[in-house]
PDB file of N, CA and C in Angstrom:
ATOM      1  N   MET A   1     -29.110 140.105 -40.406  1.00  0.00           N
ATOM      2  CA  MET A   1     -27.273 140.337 -39.880  1.00  0.00           C
ATOM      3  C   MET A   1     -27.601 140.475 -38.551  1.00  0.00           C
ATOM      4  N   GLN A   2     -28.601 141.291 -38.004  1.00  0.00           N
ATOM      5  CA  GLN A   2     -28.833 140.928 -36.778  1.00  0.00           C
ATOM      6  C   GLN A   2     -28.706 139.889 -35.958  1.00  0.00           C
ATOM      7  N   GLN A   3     -29.542 139.085 -36.664  1.00  0.00           N
ATOM      8  CA  GLN A   3     -29.759 137.571 -36.234  1.00  0.00           C
ATOM      9  C   GLN A   3     -28.765 137.003 -35.499  1.00  0.00           C
ATOM     10  N   ILE A   4     -28.098 136.825 -36.994  1.00  0.00           N
ATOM     11  CA  ILE A   4     -26.980 135.831 -37.270  1.00  0.00           C
ATOM     12  C   ILE A   4     -25.953 136.578 -35.812  1.00  0.00           C
ATOM     13  N   LEU A   5     -25.965 138.074 -35.511  1.00  0.00           N
ATOM     14  CA  LEU A   5     -24.479 138.176 -34.697  1.00  0.00           C
ATOM     15  C   LEU A   5     -25.041 137.986 -33.008  1.00  0.00           C
ATOM     16  N   ARG A   6     -26.757 137.790 -33.220  1.00  0.00           N
ATOM     17  CA  ARG A   6     -26.856 137.364 -31.851  1.00  0.00           C
ATOM     18  C   ARG A   6     -27.224 135.912 -31.424  1.00  0.00           C
ATOM     19  N   LYS A   7     -26.953 135.058 -32.736  1.00  0.00           N
ATOM     20  CA  LYS A   7     -27.032 133.875 -32.793  1.00  0.00           C
ATOM     21  C   LYS A   7     -25.311 133.738 -32.570  1.00  0.00           C
ATOM     22  N   ALA A   8     -24.335 134.559 -33.267  1.00  0.00           N
ATOM     23  CA  ALA A   8     -23.267 133.426 -33.034  1.00  0.00           C
ATOM     24  C   ALA A   8     -22.572 134.531 -31.287  1.00  0.00           C
ATOM     25  N   LEU A   9     -22.877 135.991 -31.628  1.00  0.00           N
ATOM     26  CA  LEU A   9     -21.876 136.851 -30.478  1.00  0.00           C
ATOM     27  C   LEU A   9     -22.146 136.035 -29.205  1.00  0.00           C
ATOM     28  N   LEU A  10     -23.928 136.527 -28.974  1.00  0.00           N
ATOM     29  CA  LEU A  10     -24.504 136.157 -27.670  1.00  0.00           C
ATOM     30  C   LEU A  10     -23.693 134.463 -26.717  1.00  0.00           C
ATOM     31  N   PRO A  11     -24.149 133.179 -27.705  1.00  0.00           N
ATOM     32  CA  PRO A  11     -23.093 132.197 -26.789  1.00  0.00           C
ATOM     33  C   PRO A  11     -21.537 132.646 -26.370  1.00  0.00           C
ATOM     34  N   MET A  12     -20.814 133.270 -27.374  1.00  0.00           N
ATOM     35  CA  MET A  12     -19.667 133.388 -27.421  1.00  0.00           C
ATOM     36  C   MET A  12     -19.208 134.191 -26.398  1.00  0.00           C
ATOM     37  N   LEU A  13     -20.197 135.553 -26.255  1.00  0.00           N
ATOM     38  CA  LEU A  13     -20.558 135.851 -24.225  1.00  0.00           C
ATOM     39  C   LEU A  13     -20.566 135.110 -23.433  1.00  0.00           C
ATOM     40  N   ALA A  14     -21.506 134.296 -23.435  1.00  0.00           N
ATOM     41  CA  ALA A  14     -21.761 133.956 -22.368  1.00  0.00           C
ATOM     42  C   ALA A  14     -20.806 132.663 -22.077  1.00  0.00           C
ATOM     43  N   ALA A  15     -20.326 132.425 -22.932  1.00  0.00           N
ATOM     44  CA  ALA A  15     -18.874 131.348 -22.566  1.00  0.00           C
ATOM     45  C   ALA A  15     -17.684 131.651 -22.582  1.00  0.00           C
ATOM     46  N   GLY A  16     -17.455 133.098 -22.568  1.00  0.00           N
ATOM     47  CA  GLY A  16     -16.103 134.079 -21.880  1.00  0.00           C
ATOM     48  C   GLY A  16     -16.435 134.376 -20.807  1.00  0.00           C
ATOM     49  N   VAL A  17     -17.529 134.810 -20.496  1.00  0.00           N
ATOM     50  CA  VAL A  17     -17.925 135.250 -18.703  1.00  0.00           C
ATOM     51  C   VAL A  17     -18.112 133.963 -17.926  1.00  0.00           C
ATOM     52  N   LEU A  18     -18.436 132.776 -18.254  1.00  0.00           N
ATOM     53  CA  LEU A  18     -18.121 131.532 -17.526  1.00  0.00           C
ATOM     54  C   LEU A  18     -16.781 131.027 -17.460  1.00  0.00           C
ATOM     55  N   SER A  19     -16.559 131.118 -18.648  1.00  0.00           N
ATOM     56  CA  SER A  19     -14.802 130.440 -18.119  1.00  0.00           C
ATOM     57  C   SER A  19     -13.950 131.088 -17.478  1.00  0.00           C
ATOM     58  N   ALA A  20     -14.548 132.504 -17.421  1.00  0.00           N
ATOM     59  CA  ALA A  20     -13.555 133.141 -16.570  1.00  0.00           C
ATOM     60  C   ALA A  20     -14.370 133.696 -14.926  1.00  0.00           C
ATOM     61  N   ALA A  21     -15.704 133.297 -14.924  1.00  0.00           N
ATOM     62  CA  ALA A  21     -15.856 132.909 -13.391  1.00  0.00           C
ATOM     63  C   ALA A  21     -15.323 131.472 -13.019  1.00  0.00           C
ATOM     64  N   VAL A  22     -14.881 130.572 -14.033  1.00  0.00           N
ATOM     65  CA  VAL A  22     -14.301 129.444 -13.034  1.00  0.00           C
ATOM     66  C   VAL A  22     -13.335 129.447 -12.226  1.00  0.00           C
ATOM     67  N   PRO A  23     -12.288 130.063 -12.981  1.00  0.00           N
ATOM     68  CA  PRO A  23     -11.054 130.211 -11.958  1.00  0.00           C
ATOM     69  C   PRO A  23     -10.872 130.794 -10.908  1.00  0.00           C
ATOM     70  N   ALA A  24     -11.901 131.728 -10.268  1.00  0.00           N
ATOM     71  CA  ALA A  24     -12.297 132.929  -9.619  1.00  0.00           C
ATOM     72  C   ALA A  24     -12.860 132.028  -9.002  1.00  0.00           C
ATOM     73  N   MET A  25     -14.315 130.908  -9.178  1.00  0.00           N
ATOM     74  CA  MET A  25     -14.291 130.438  -7.884  1.00  0.00           C
ATOM     75  C   MET A  25     -13.541 129.137  -7.485  1.00  0.00           C
ATOM     76  N   ALA A  26     -12.800 128.373  -8.151  1.00  0.00           N
ATOM     77  CA  ALA A  26     -12.124 127.283  -7.818  1.00  0.00           C
ATOM     78  C   ALA A  26     -10.525 128.149  -6.760  1.00  0.00           C
ATOM     79  N   ALA A  27     -10.379 129.510  -6.755  1.00  0.00           N
ATOM     80  CA  ALA A  27      -9.332 129.739  -5.673  1.00  0.00           C
ATOM     81  C   ALA A  27     -10.455 130.291  -4.296  1.00  0.00           C
ATOM     82  N   ASP A  28     -11.449 130.185  -4.226  1.00  0.00           N
ATOM     83  CA  ASP A  28     -12.308 130.133  -2.994  1.00  0.00           C
ATOM     84  C   ASP A  28     -12.243 129.077  -2.286  1.00  0.00           C
ATOM     85  N   VAL A  29     -11.212 127.720  -2.604  1.00  0.00           N
ATOM     86  CA  VAL A  29     -11.246 126.596  -2.031  1.00  0.00           C
ATOM     87  C   VAL A  29     -10.198 126.562  -0.830  1.00  0.00           C
ATOM     88  N   TYR A  30     -10.337 126.605   0.747  1.00  0.00           N
ATOM     89  CA  TYR A  30      -9.041 126.234   1.569  1.00  0.00           C
ATOM     90  C   TYR A  30      -8.925 125.232   2.076  1.00  0.00           C
ATOM     91  N   VAL A  31      -7.881 124.804   2.417  1.00  0.00           N
ATOM     92  CA  VAL A  31      -7.874 123.697   2.773  1.00  0.00           C
ATOM     93  C   VAL A  31      -7.116 124.022   4.530  1.00  0.00           C
ATOM     94  N   SER A  32      -8.190 123.857   5.892  1.00  0.00           N
ATOM     95  CA  SER A  32      -7.700 123.953   6.735  1.00  0.00           C
ATOM     96  C   SER A  32      -6.669 123.195   7.437  1.00  0.00           C
ATOM     97  N   ARG A  33      -5.934 123.488   8.424  1.00  0.00           N
ATOM     98  CA  ARG A  33      -5.159 122.485   8.920  1.00  0.00           C
ATOM     99  C   ARG A  33      -5.004 122.255  10.183  1.00  0.00           C
ATOM    100  N   ALA A  34      -5.398 121.943  11.041  1.00  0.00           N
ATOM    101  CA  ALA A  34      -4.979 121.695  12.535  1.00  0.00           C
ATOM    102  C   ALA A  34      -3.566 122.530  13.038  1.00  0.00           C
ATOM    103  N   PRO A  35      -3.767 123.705  14.325  1.00  0.00           N
ATOM    104  CA  PRO A  35      -2.322 123.323  14.241  1.00  0.00           C
ATOM    105  C   PRO A  35      -1.501 122.229  14.640  1.00  0.00           C
ATOM    106  N   ARG A  36      -0.108 122.010  14.509  1.00  0.00           N
ATOM    107  CA  ARG A  36       0.400 121.258  15.380  1.00  0.00           C
ATOM    108  C   ARG A  36       0.940 121.309  16.676  1.00  0.00           C
ATOM    109  N   ALA A  37       0.700 120.387  17.566  1.00  0.00           N
ATOM    110  CA  ALA A  37       0.805 120.643  19.000  1.00  0.00           C
ATOM    111  C   ALA A  37       2.106 120.513  19.077  1.00  0.00           C
ATOM    112  N   ALA A  38       2.555 121.392  19.809  1.00  0.00           N
ATOM    113  CA  ALA A  38       3.666 121.611  20.701  1.00  0.00           C
ATOM    114  C   ALA A  38       4.371 120.085  21.658  1.00  0.00           C
ATOM    115  N   VAL A  39       5.660 119.959  21.444  1.00  0.00           N
ATOM    116  CA  VAL A  39       6.163 119.215  22.218  1.00  0.00           C
ATOM    117  C   VAL A  39       7.042 119.854  23.041  1.00  0.00           C
ATOM    118  N   ALA A  40       6.196 119.039  24.805  1.00  0.00           N
ATOM    119  CA  ALA A  40       7.350 120.007  25.459  1.00  0.00           C
ATOM    120  C   ALA A  40       8.523 119.118  25.759  1.00  0.00           C
ATOM    121  N   VAL A  41       9.890 119.986  25.784  1.00  0.00           N
ATOM    122  CA  VAL A  41      10.833 119.151  26.050  1.00  0.00           C
ATOM    123  C   VAL A  41      11.261 119.740  27.405  1.00  0.00           C
ATOM    124  N   PRO A  42      11.667 118.542  28.193  1.00  0.00           N
ATOM    125  CA  PRO A  42      11.857 118.797  29.795  1.00  0.00           C
ATOM    126  C   PRO A  42      13.193 119.582  29.578  1.00  0.00           C
ATOM    127  N   VAL A  43      13.305 120.492  30.683  1.00  0.00           N
ATOM    128  CA  VAL A  43      14.735 121.196  30.965  1.00  0.00           C
ATOM    129  C   VAL A  43      15.493 120.608  32.112  1.00  0.00           C
ATOM    130  N   MET A  44      16.772 120.227  31.171  1.00  0.00           N
ATOM    131  CA  MET A  44      17.804 119.586  31.904  1.00  0.00           C
ATOM    132  C   MET A  44      18.950 119.907  33.027  1.00  0.00           C
ATOM    133  N   PRO A  45      18.474 119.091  34.273  1.00  0.00           N
ATOM    134  CA  PRO A  45      19.352 119.947  34.979  1.00  0.00           C
ATOM    135  C   PRO A  45      20.706 119.477  34.628  1.00  0.00           C
ATOM    136  N   ALA A  46      22.041 120.516  35.498  1.00  0.00           N
ATOM    137  CA  ALA A  46      23.766 120.033  35.315  1.00  0.00           C
ATOM    138  C   ALA A  46      23.842 118.992  36.142  1.00  0.00           C
ATOM    139  N   GLY A  47      24.551 118.121  35.495  1.00  0.00           N
ATOM    140  CA  GLY A  47      24.324 116.626  35.954  1.00  0.00           C
ATOM    141  C   GLY A  47      23.945 115.767  36.190  1.00  0.00           C
ATOM    142  N   PRO A  48      24.472 114.949  36.393  1.00  0.00           N
ATOM    143  CA  PRO A  48      23.766 113.347  36.430  1.00  0.00           C
ATOM    144  C   PRO A  48      21.923 112.975  36.438  1.00  0.00           C
ATOM    145  N   LEU A  49      21.629 112.821  35.179  1.00  0.00           N
ATOM    146  CA  LEU A  49      20.020 112.757  35.245  1.00  0.00           C
ATOM    147  C   LEU A  49      19.658 111.410  36.374  1.00  0.00           C
ATOM    148  N   THR A  50      18.353 111.769  36.777  1.00  0.00           N
ATOM    149  CA  THR A  50      17.761 110.367  37.311  1.00  0.00           C
ATOM    150  C   THR A  50      17.197 110.012  36.640  1.00  0.00           C
ATOM    151  N   VAL A  51      16.968 108.650  37.015  1.00  0.00           N
ATOM    152  CA  VAL A  51      15.801 107.866  36.181  1.00  0.00           C
ATOM    153  C   VAL A  51      14.586 108.540  36.205  1.00  0.00           C
ATOM    154  N   GLU A  52      13.846 109.055  36.592  1.00  0.00           N
ATOM    155  CA  GLU A  52      12.839 109.785  36.337  1.00  0.00           C
ATOM    156  C   GLU A  52      12.829 110.766  35.157  1.00  0.00           C
ATOM    157  N   GLN A  53      14.060 111.712  35.475  1.00  0.00           N
ATOM    158  CA  GLN A  53      14.089 112.537  33.756  1.00  0.00           C
ATOM    159  C   GLN A  53      14.616 111.896  33.038  1.00  0.00           C
ATOM    160  N   ALA A  54      15.445 110.678  32.723  1.00  0.00           N
ATOM    161  CA  ALA A  54      15.111 109.921  31.896  1.00  0.00           C
ATOM    162  C   ALA A  54      14.191 109.359  30.780  1.00  0.00           C
ATOM    163  N   ILE A  55      13.119 109.243  31.928  1.00  0.00           N
ATOM    164  CA  ILE A  55      11.979 108.703  31.308  1.00  0.00           C
ATOM    165  C   ILE A  55      11.166 109.507  31.150  1.00  0.00           C
ATOM    166  N   GLN A  56      11.076 110.852  31.428  1.00  0.00           N
ATOM    167  CA  GLN A  56      10.216 111.884  30.675  1.00  0.00           C
ATOM    168  C   GLN A  56      11.022 112.091  29.668  1.00  0.00           C
ATOM    169  N   VAL A  57      12.713 112.217  29.108  1.00  0.00           N
ATOM    170  CA  VAL A  57      13.281 112.339  27.909  1.00  0.00           C
ATOM    171  C   VAL A  57      12.191 110.914  26.853  1.00  0.00           C
ATOM    172  N   ALA A  58      12.625 109.724  27.418  1.00  0.00           N
ATOM    173  CA  ALA A  58      11.956 108.643  26.282  1.00  0.00           C
ATOM    174  C   ALA A  58      10.578 109.020  26.260  1.00  0.00           C
ATOM    175  N   TYR A  59       9.818 109.626  27.104  1.00  0.00           N
ATOM    176  CA  TYR A  59       7.888 109.823  26.775  1.00  0.00           C
ATOM    177  C   TYR A  59       7.933 110.897  25.718  1.00  0.00           C
ATOM    178  N   GLY A  60       9.104 111.761  25.921  1.00  0.00           N
ATOM    179  CA  GLY A  60       9.307 112.627  24.666  1.00  0.00           C
ATOM    180  C   GLY A  60       9.036 112.498  23.189  1.00  0.00           C
ATOM    181  N   ILE A  61      10.049 111.257  23.311  1.00  0.00           N
ATOM    182  CA  ILE A  61      10.379 110.537  21.819  1.00  0.00           C
ATOM    183  C   ILE A  61       8.941 109.551  21.112  1.00  0.00           C
ATOM    184  N   GLY A  62       8.024 109.102  22.089  1.00  0.00           N
ATOM    185  CA  GLY A  62       7.109 108.391  21.831  1.00  0.00           C
ATOM    186  C   GLY A  62       6.861 107.485  22.540  1.00  0.00           C
ATOM    187  N   VAL A  63       7.914 107.362  23.742  1.00  0.00           N
ATOM    188  CA  VAL A  63       7.312 106.155  25.028  1.00  0.00           C
ATOM    189  C   VAL A  63       6.015 106.155  25.388  1.00  0.00           C
ATOM    190  N   VAL A  64       5.214 105.235  25.445  1.00  0.00           N
ATOM    191  CA  VAL A  64       4.257 105.582  26.622  1.00  0.00           C
ATOM    192  C   VAL A  64       3.981 104.366  27.830  1.00  0.00           C
ATOM    193  N   GLN A  65       5.037 103.731  27.656  1.00  0.00           N
ATOM    194  CA  GLN A  65       5.175 102.407  28.565  1.00  0.00           C
ATOM    195  C   GLN A  65       6.158 102.081  28.800  1.00  0.00           C
ATOM    196  N   VAL A  66       6.793 102.167  30.060  1.00  0.00           N
ATOM    197  CA  VAL A  66       8.452 101.595  30.639  1.00  0.00           C
ATOM    198  C   VAL A  66       8.437 100.316  31.332  1.00  0.00           C
ATOM    199  N   LYS A  67       8.962  99.474  30.774  1.00  0.00           N
ATOM    200  CA  LYS A  67       9.138  97.797  30.594  1.00  0.00           C
ATOM    201  C   LYS A  67      10.150  97.870  31.396  1.00  0.00           C
ATOM    202  N   ASN A  68      11.605  98.352  31.133  1.00  0.00           N
ATOM    203  CA  ASN A  68      12.623  98.553  32.124  1.00  0.00           C
ATOM    204  C   ASN A  68      13.423  99.592  31.983  1.00  0.00           C
ATOM    205  N   THR A  69      14.225  99.673  32.597  1.00  0.00           N
ATOM    206  CA  THR A  69      15.243 100.854  33.006  1.00  0.00           C
ATOM    207  C   THR A  69      16.669 100.434  33.318  1.00  0.00           C
ATOM    208  N   HIS A  70      17.930 100.545  33.121  1.00  0.00           N
ATOM    209  CA  HIS A  70      18.965 100.161  33.122  1.00  0.00           C
ATOM    210  C   HIS A  70      20.003 101.041  32.727  1.00  0.00           C
ATOM    211  N   PHE A  71      20.970 101.473  34.025  1.00  0.00           N
ATOM    212  CA  PHE A  71      22.035 102.515  33.794  1.00  0.00           C
ATOM    213  C   PHE A  71      23.359 102.246  33.946  1.00  0.00           C
ATOM    214  N   ASP A  72      23.604 102.203  32.662  1.00  0.00           N
ATOM    215  CA  ASP A  72      25.177 102.029  32.328  1.00  0.00           C
ATOM    216  C   ASP A  72      26.099 102.444  32.241  1.00  0.00           C
ATOM    217  N   GLY A  73      26.264 102.807  33.159  1.00  0.00           N
ATOM    218  CA  GLY A  73      27.569 104.139  33.522  1.00  0.00           C
ATOM    219  C   GLY A  73      28.138 105.433  33.000  1.00  0.00           C
ATOM    220  N   ASP A  74      27.708 105.563  31.619  1.00  0.00           N
ATOM    221  CA  ASP A  74      27.515 106.967  31.305  1.00  0.00           C
ATOM    222  C   ASP A  74      26.058 107.096  30.185  1.00  0.00           C
ATOM    223  N   GLU A  75      25.130 106.156  30.613  1.00  0.00           N
ATOM    224  CA  GLU A  75      23.822 106.425  29.685  1.00  0.00           C
ATOM    225  C   GLU A  75      22.614 105.494  30.542  1.00  0.00           C
ATOM    226  N   TRP A  76      21.441 106.230  30.266  1.00  0.00           N
ATOM    227  CA  TRP A  76      20.162 105.572  30.530  1.00  0.00           C
ATOM    228  C   TRP A  76      19.425 104.392  29.417  1.00  0.00           C
ATOM    229  N   GLU A  77      19.677 103.145  29.322  1.00  0.00           N
ATOM    230  CA  GLU A  77      18.594 102.477  28.554  1.00  0.00           C
ATOM    231  C   GLU A  77      17.239 102.494  28.899  1.00  0.00           C
ATOM    232  N   ILE A  78      16.345 103.040  28.666  1.00  0.00           N
ATOM    233  CA  ILE A  78      14.492 102.924  28.622  1.00  0.00           C
ATOM    234  C   ILE A  78      14.395 101.788  27.485  1.00  0.00           C
ATOM    235  N   GLU A  79      13.759 100.901  27.955  1.00  0.00           N
ATOM    236  CA  GLU A  79      12.948  99.840  26.980  1.00  0.00           C
ATOM    237  C   GLU A  79      11.444  99.753  27.565  1.00  0.00           C
ATOM    238  N   GLY A  80      10.448  99.866  26.476  1.00  0.00           N
ATOM    239  CA  GLY A  80       9.095  99.743  26.468  1.00  0.00           C
ATOM    240  C   GLY A  80       8.078  99.575  25.533  1.00  0.00           C
ATOM    241  N   ARG A  81       7.208 100.587  25.609  1.00  0.00           N
ATOM    242  CA  ARG A  81       6.134 100.500  24.048  1.00  0.00           C
ATOM    243  C   ARG A  81       5.871 101.723  23.904  1.00  0.00           C
ATOM    244  N   ASP A  82       6.040 101.775  22.098  1.00  0.00           N
ATOM    245  CA  ASP A  82       5.493 103.394  22.140  1.00  0.00           C
ATOM    246  C   ASP A  82       3.883 103.623  21.567  1.00  0.00           C
ATOM    247  N   THR A  83       3.563 104.614  20.904  1.00  0.00           N
ATOM    248  CA  THR A  83       1.889 104.409  20.844  1.00  0.00           C
ATOM    249  C   THR A  83       1.222 103.362  20.068  1.00  0.00           C
ATOM    250  N   TYR A  84       1.852 102.819  19.390  1.00  0.00           N
ATOM    251  CA  TYR A  84       1.111 101.680  18.658  1.00  0.00           C
ATOM    252  C   TYR A  84       1.306 100.149  19.186  1.00  0.00           C
ATOM    253  N   GLY A  85       2.256 100.382  20.825  1.00  0.00           N
ATOM    254  CA  GLY A  85       2.164  99.273  21.579  1.00  0.00           C
ATOM    255  C   GLY A  85       3.505  98.070  20.612  1.00  0.00           C
ATOM    256  N   LYS A  86       4.390  98.542  19.873  1.00  0.00           N
ATOM    257  CA  LYS A  86       5.999  98.571  19.626  1.00  0.00           C
ATOM    258  C   LYS A  86       6.510  98.438  20.456  1.00  0.00           C
ATOM    259  N   TRP A  87       7.487  97.232  20.364  1.00  0.00           N
ATOM    260  CA  TRP A  87       8.787  97.724  21.682  1.00  0.00           C
ATOM    261  C   TRP A  87       9.797  98.553  21.039  1.00  0.00           C
ATOM    262  N   ILE A  88      10.182  99.323  21.841  1.00  0.00           N
ATOM    263  CA  ILE A  88      11.178 100.505  21.850  1.00  0.00           C
ATOM    264  C   ILE A  88      12.152 100.814  22.952  1.00  0.00           C
ATOM    265  N   GLU A  89      13.463 100.946  23.031  1.00  0.00           N
ATOM    266  CA  GLU A  89      14.658 100.945  23.360  1.00  0.00           C
ATOM    267  C   GLU A  89      15.335 102.272  22.918  1.00  0.00           C
ATOM    268  N   VAL A  90      15.378 102.928  24.073  1.00  0.00           N
ATOM    269  CA  VAL A  90      16.004 104.443  24.347  1.00  0.00           C
ATOM    270  C   VAL A  90      17.314 104.666  24.731  1.00  0.00           C
ATOM    271  N   ASP A  91      18.355 105.019  24.367  1.00  0.00           N
ATOM    272  CA  ASP A  91      19.843 104.986  24.924  1.00  0.00           C
ATOM    273  C   ASP A  91      19.873 106.537  25.471  1.00  0.00           C
ATOM    274  N   ILE A  92      19.730 107.273  26.581  1.00  0.00           N
ATOM    275  CA  ILE A  92      20.052 108.534  26.558  1.00  0.00           C
ATOM    276  C   ILE A  92      21.048 109.112  27.572  1.00  0.00           C
ATOM    277  N   ASP A  93      21.867 109.551  26.948  1.00  0.00           N
ATOM    278  CA  ASP A  93      23.306 110.484  27.829  1.00  0.00           C
ATOM    279  C   ASP A  93      22.868 110.308  29.296  1.00  0.00           C
ATOM    280  N   ALA A  94      23.441 109.702  30.242  1.00  0.00           N
ATOM    281  CA  ALA A  94      23.393 110.631  31.361  1.00  0.00           C
ATOM    282  C   ALA A  94      23.456 111.727  32.104  1.00  0.00           C
ATOM    283  N   ARG A  95      24.302 112.259  31.177  1.00  0.00           N
ATOM    284  CA  ARG A  95      25.031 113.716  31.802  1.00  0.00           C
ATOM    285  C   ARG A  95      24.454 114.966  31.220  1.00  0.00           C
ATOM    286  N   THR A  96      23.774 114.548  29.996  1.00  0.00           N
ATOM    287  CA  THR A  96      23.483 115.835  29.135  1.00  0.00           C
ATOM    288  C   THR A  96      21.729 115.742  28.834  1.00  0.00           C
ATOM    289  N   GLY A  97      21.611 114.271  29.267  1.00  0.00           N
ATOM    290  CA  GLY A  97      20.022 114.401  28.431  1.00  0.00           C
ATOM    291  C   GLY A  97      19.837 113.801  26.772  1.00  0.00           C
ATOM    292  N   GLU A  98      20.992 114.060  25.783  1.00  0.00           N
ATOM    293  CA  GLU A  98      20.723 113.509  24.763  1.00  0.00           C
ATOM    294  C   GLU A  98      20.825 112.245  24.033  1.00  0.00           C
ATOM    295  N   ILE A  99      19.692 111.978  23.664  1.00  0.00           N
ATOM    296  CA  ILE A  99      19.107 110.722  22.885  1.00  0.00           C
ATOM    297  C   ILE A  99      20.268 110.430  21.886  1.00  0.00           C
ATOM    298  N   ARG A 100      21.381 108.794  22.670  1.00  0.00           N
ATOM    299  CA  ARG A 100      21.991 108.710  21.586  1.00  0.00           C
ATOM    300  C   ARG A 100      21.679 107.973  20.846  1.00  0.00           C
ATOM    301  N   ASN A 101      20.416 106.500  20.966  1.00  0.00           N
ATOM    302  CA  ASN A 101      20.589 106.191  20.121  1.00  0.00           C
ATOM    303  C   ASN A 101      18.611 105.461  20.250  1.00  0.00           C
ATOM    304  N   VAL A 102      18.139 104.931  19.002  1.00  0.00           N
ATOM    305  CA  VAL A 102      16.574 104.231  19.617  1.00  0.00           C
ATOM    306  C   VAL A 102      16.700 103.574  18.398  1.00  0.00           C
ATOM    307  N   ASP A 103      16.075 102.078  19.342  1.00  0.00           N
ATOM    308  CA  ASP A 103      15.792 100.978  18.500  1.00  0.00           C
ATOM    309  C   ASP A 103      14.290 100.918  18.903  1.00  0.00           C
ATOM    310  N   ARG A 104      13.484 100.408  17.632  1.00  0.00           N
ATOM    311  CA  ARG A 104      12.362 100.308  17.575  1.00  0.00           C
ATOM    312  C   ARG A 104      11.831  98.897  16.890  1.00  0.00           C
ATOM    313  N   SER A 105      10.855  97.898  17.523  1.00  0.00           N
ATOM    314  CA  SER A 105      10.391  97.142  16.781  1.00  0.00           C
ATOM    315  C   SER A 105       9.969  97.181  15.566  1.00  0.00           C
ATOM    316  N   ILE A 106      10.300  96.471  13.989  1.00  0.00           N
ATOM    317  CA  ILE A 106       9.301  96.486  13.283  1.00  0.00           C
ATOM    318  C   ILE A 106       8.355  95.591  12.530  1.00  0.00           C
ATOM    319  N   ILE A 107       7.990  94.581  14.064  1.00  0.00           N
ATOM    320  CA  ILE A 107       6.925  93.424  13.442  1.00  0.00           C
ATOM    321  C   ILE A 107       6.000  93.932  14.878  1.00  0.00           C
TER     322      ILE A 107
END
């Protein structure tokens, strides 16, 4: 009788202990994530923006190379390339610095 208990009870006990340890080991796996880089937002002065300030706003949304700038009464149009080398045009309110429109190349 004792041998039967050893043959049946010992494997069942070992299986129970091992199955209880598996979830505990799985909980020790953590995925580390790098902190997001803070995006510097330029402080806009009161009054109309200069072309340099408008370009800084455009840089803040991904323009890395400016090809052309145009002042159209109440807004700046900044044309250039983004980080992927694709064409991008940004329309910026000349008074507030608000981004009015962004056109990006799809090719």
